[in-house]
Structures are given as C-alpha cells and as structure tokens.
C-alpha cells in the first residue's frame, strides 16, 4: 500500500514540474512573435501586405530575443526584419506598376 503522505522531495518535484509547465508573459510574447512569423511567411505569395506582416513579426521576434537575453537571436531577427522590409518595398512597387499597367 502506497503512503498517502508525500515527502518534501516529492513536493518539490511536483512544484518544479508545475513551474516548468507554466509560461510567463515573455514566453507568451515570444510564442506570439514566432507564430506570427510562421503564419505571415506562409502567406507571403498572397499579398505584399503579408511580407510587411512578416517584417513586423521579425521585429517582435528581435525584441523578444533581446529581452530574454539571447542577443544573437535578437540581432538575426532584426536583420530579417530589414530584409523583409526591403522585399515589401520592391513587391509593393511591383504591384503598383502592375496595377498601373492594367488601367490602360
């Protein structure tokens, strides 16, 4: 028959497990940023606005990286945000030119 009373080691192990499972606000922010990156990247072909959304999500990922202390991740995400902004500008101008050509 198992003892109904747990020892301090078991209480500490259960408490640690609960802490490991729970997520703080910073972790939720990171999950939001990375999920946004995944979603907008997968939809980039539909509109140049998704490319802009990807740039914004990369910027959020960069902020997350710096806040959590992983500065290399934050730096790489900042570069990706810049690259995505450049791609957005070129795709936006291309869509404007295409729209102008369709008017005539």
C-alpha atoms as a PDB file:
ATOM      1  CA  UNK A   1       0.000   0.000   0.000  1.00  0.00           C
ATOM      2  CA  UNK A   2       1.368   3.390  -1.011  1.00  0.00           C
ATOM      3  CA  UNK A   3       1.887   6.027   1.597  1.00  0.00           C
ATOM      4  CA  UNK A   4      -0.705   8.810   1.186  1.00  0.00           C
ATOM      5  CA  UNK A   5       1.668  11.382   2.621  1.00  0.00           C
ATOM      6  CA  UNK A   6       4.387  12.659   0.290  1.00  0.00           C
ATOM      7  CA  UNK A   7       7.839  13.630   1.383  1.00  0.00           C
ATOM      8  CA  UNK A   8       9.447  17.056   0.833  1.00  0.00           C
ATOM      9  CA  UNK A   9      11.368  15.746  -2.188  1.00  0.00           C
ATOM     10  CA  UNK A  10       8.151  14.741  -3.951  1.00  0.00           C
ATOM     11  CA  UNK A  11       6.503  18.079  -3.115  1.00  0.00           C
ATOM     12  CA  UNK A  12       9.498  19.955  -4.543  1.00  0.00           C
ATOM     13  CA  UNK A  13       9.470  17.798  -7.683  1.00  0.00           C
ATOM     14  CA  UNK A  14       5.767  18.449  -8.273  1.00  0.00           C
ATOM     15  CA  UNK A  15       6.207  22.166  -7.654  1.00  0.00           C
ATOM     16  CA  UNK A  16       9.142  22.292 -10.084  1.00  0.00           C
ATOM     17  CA  UNK A  17       7.122  20.478 -12.720  1.00  0.00           C
ATOM     18  CA  UNK A  18       4.281  22.972 -12.374  1.00  0.00           C
ATOM     19  CA  UNK A  19       6.735  25.867 -12.742  1.00  0.00           C
ATOM     20  CA  UNK A  20       8.310  24.301 -15.815  1.00  0.00           C
ATOM     21  CA  UNK A  21       4.920  23.880 -17.470  1.00  0.00           C
ATOM     22  CA  UNK A  22       3.664  27.398 -16.748  1.00  0.00           C
ATOM     23  CA  UNK A  23       4.732  30.126 -19.163  1.00  0.00           C
ATOM     24  CA  UNK A  24       5.483  33.703 -18.205  1.00  0.00           C
ATOM     25  CA  UNK A  25       4.482  36.781 -20.218  1.00  0.00           C
ATOM     26  CA  UNK A  26       7.814  36.952 -22.032  1.00  0.00           C
ATOM     27  CA  UNK A  27       7.475  33.359 -23.230  1.00  0.00           C
ATOM     28  CA  UNK A  28       3.930  34.054 -24.460  1.00  0.00           C
ATOM     29  CA  UNK A  29       5.234  37.123 -26.286  1.00  0.00           C
ATOM     30  CA  UNK A  30       7.915  35.018 -27.965  1.00  0.00           C
ATOM     31  CA  UNK A  31       5.376  32.388 -28.948  1.00  0.00           C
ATOM     32  CA  UNK A  32       3.164  35.113 -30.437  1.00  0.00           C
ATOM     33  CA  UNK A  33       6.073  36.602 -32.401  1.00  0.00           C
ATOM     34  CA  UNK A  34       7.317  33.302 -33.814  1.00  0.00           C
ATOM     35  CA  UNK A  35       3.776  32.132 -34.622  1.00  0.00           C
ATOM     36  CA  UNK A  36       3.194  35.406 -36.447  1.00  0.00           C
ATOM     37  CA  UNK A  37       6.394  34.902 -38.405  1.00  0.00           C
ATOM     38  CA  UNK A  38       5.331  31.419 -39.434  1.00  0.00           C
ATOM     39  CA  UNK A  39       1.827  32.479 -40.434  1.00  0.00           C
ATOM     40  CA  UNK A  40       2.818  35.559 -42.423  1.00  0.00           C
ATOM     41  CA  UNK A  41       5.746  33.818 -44.122  1.00  0.00           C
ATOM     42  CA  UNK A  42       3.490  31.016 -45.303  1.00  0.00           C
ATOM     43  CA  UNK A  43       1.080  33.543 -46.834  1.00  0.00           C
ATOM     44  CA  UNK A  44       3.567  35.917 -48.487  1.00  0.00           C
ATOM     45  CA  UNK A  45       2.587  34.876 -52.007  1.00  0.00           C
ATOM     46  CA  UNK A  46      -0.982  36.087 -51.488  1.00  0.00           C
ATOM     47  CA  UNK A  47      -0.204  39.766 -50.938  1.00  0.00           C
ATOM     48  CA  UNK A  48       2.674  42.126 -50.329  1.00  0.00           C
ATOM     49  CA  UNK A  49       0.945  43.003 -47.048  1.00  0.00           C
ATOM     50  CA  UNK A  50       1.898  39.599 -45.650  1.00  0.00           C
ATOM     51  CA  UNK A  51       5.540  40.452 -46.386  1.00  0.00           C
ATOM     52  CA  UNK A  52       5.087  43.590 -44.284  1.00  0.00           C
ATOM     53  CA  UNK A  53       3.453  41.472 -41.586  1.00  0.00           C
ATOM     54  CA  UNK A  54       6.441  39.135 -41.680  1.00  0.00           C
ATOM     55  CA  UNK A  55       8.762  42.119 -41.206  1.00  0.00           C
ATOM     56  CA  UNK A  56       6.737  43.240 -38.198  1.00  0.00           C
ATOM     57  CA  UNK A  57       6.724  39.739 -36.711  1.00  0.00           C
ATOM     58  CA  UNK A  58      10.501  39.544 -37.184  1.00  0.00           C
ATOM     59  CA  UNK A  59      10.836  42.856 -35.347  1.00  0.00           C
ATOM     60  CA  UNK A  60       8.764  41.430 -32.488  1.00  0.00           C
ATOM     61  CA  UNK A  61      10.973  38.320 -32.530  1.00  0.00           C
ATOM     62  CA  UNK A  62      14.018  40.556 -32.319  1.00  0.00           C
ATOM     63  CA  UNK A  63      12.599  42.385 -29.312  1.00  0.00           C
ATOM     64  CA  UNK A  64      11.853  39.036 -27.699  1.00  0.00           C
ATOM     65  CA  UNK A  65      15.405  37.807 -28.317  1.00  0.00           C
ATOM     66  CA  UNK A  66      16.957  40.863 -26.698  1.00  0.00           C
ATOM     67  CA  UNK A  67      14.525  40.834 -23.755  1.00  0.00           C
ATOM     68  CA  UNK A  68      15.182  37.213 -22.933  1.00  0.00           C
ATOM     69  CA  UNK A  69      18.952  37.659 -23.168  1.00  0.00           C
ATOM     70  CA  UNK A  70      19.599  35.824 -26.437  1.00  0.00           C
ATOM     71  CA  UNK A  71      21.128  38.799 -28.237  1.00  0.00           C
ATOM     72  CA  UNK A  72      22.362  36.749 -31.254  1.00  0.00           C
ATOM     73  CA  UNK A  73      18.754  35.696 -31.911  1.00  0.00           C
ATOM     74  CA  UNK A  74      17.618  39.298 -31.494  1.00  0.00           C
ATOM     75  CA  UNK A  75      20.273  40.511 -33.907  1.00  0.00           C
ATOM     76  CA  UNK A  76      19.440  37.926 -36.577  1.00  0.00           C
ATOM     77  CA  UNK A  77      15.738  38.685 -36.316  1.00  0.00           C
ATOM     78  CA  UNK A  78      16.460  42.414 -36.689  1.00  0.00           C
ATOM     79  CA  UNK A  79      18.379  41.672 -39.891  1.00  0.00           C
ATOM     80  CA  UNK A  80      15.480  39.520 -41.137  1.00  0.00           C
ATOM     81  CA  UNK A  81      13.087  42.383 -40.407  1.00  0.00           C
ATOM     82  CA  UNK A  82      15.237  44.698 -42.535  1.00  0.00           C
ATOM     83  CA  UNK A  83      15.418  42.177 -45.382  1.00  0.00           C
ATOM     84  CA  UNK A  84      11.648  41.676 -45.258  1.00  0.00           C
ATOM     85  CA  UNK A  85      11.045  45.446 -45.338  1.00  0.00           C
ATOM     86  CA  UNK A  86      13.225  45.696 -48.435  1.00  0.00           C
ATOM     87  CA  UNK A  87      11.286  42.844 -50.063  1.00  0.00           C
ATOM     88  CA  UNK A  88       8.000  44.537 -49.143  1.00  0.00           C
ATOM     89  CA  UNK A  89       9.063  47.804 -50.782  1.00  0.00           C
ATOM     90  CA  UNK A  90      10.034  46.063 -54.001  1.00  0.00           C
ATOM     91  CA  UNK A  91       6.874  43.932 -54.112  1.00  0.00           C
ATOM     92  CA  UNK A  92       4.679  46.938 -53.318  1.00  0.00           C
ATOM     93  CA  UNK A  93       6.197  48.971 -56.141  1.00  0.00           C
ATOM     94  CA  UNK A  94       5.872  45.994 -58.488  1.00  0.00           C
ATOM     95  CA  UNK A  95       2.191  45.607 -57.617  1.00  0.00           C
ATOM     96  CA  UNK A  96       1.633  49.351 -58.147  1.00  0.00           C
ATOM     97  CA  UNK A  97       3.295  49.143 -61.571  1.00  0.00           C
ATOM     98  CA  UNK A  98       1.191  46.126 -62.444  1.00  0.00           C
ATOM     99  CA  UNK A  99      -1.935  47.984 -61.349  1.00  0.00           C
ATOM    100  CA  UNK A 100      -0.993  50.996 -63.462  1.00  0.00           C
ATOM    101  CA  UNK A 101      -0.419  48.789 -66.495  1.00  0.00           C
ATOM    102  CA  UNK A 102      -3.854  47.209 -66.056  1.00  0.00           C
ATOM    103  CA  UNK A 103      -5.572  50.613 -66.113  1.00  0.00           C
ATOM    104  CA  UNK A 104      -4.508  51.312 -69.709  1.00  0.00           C
END
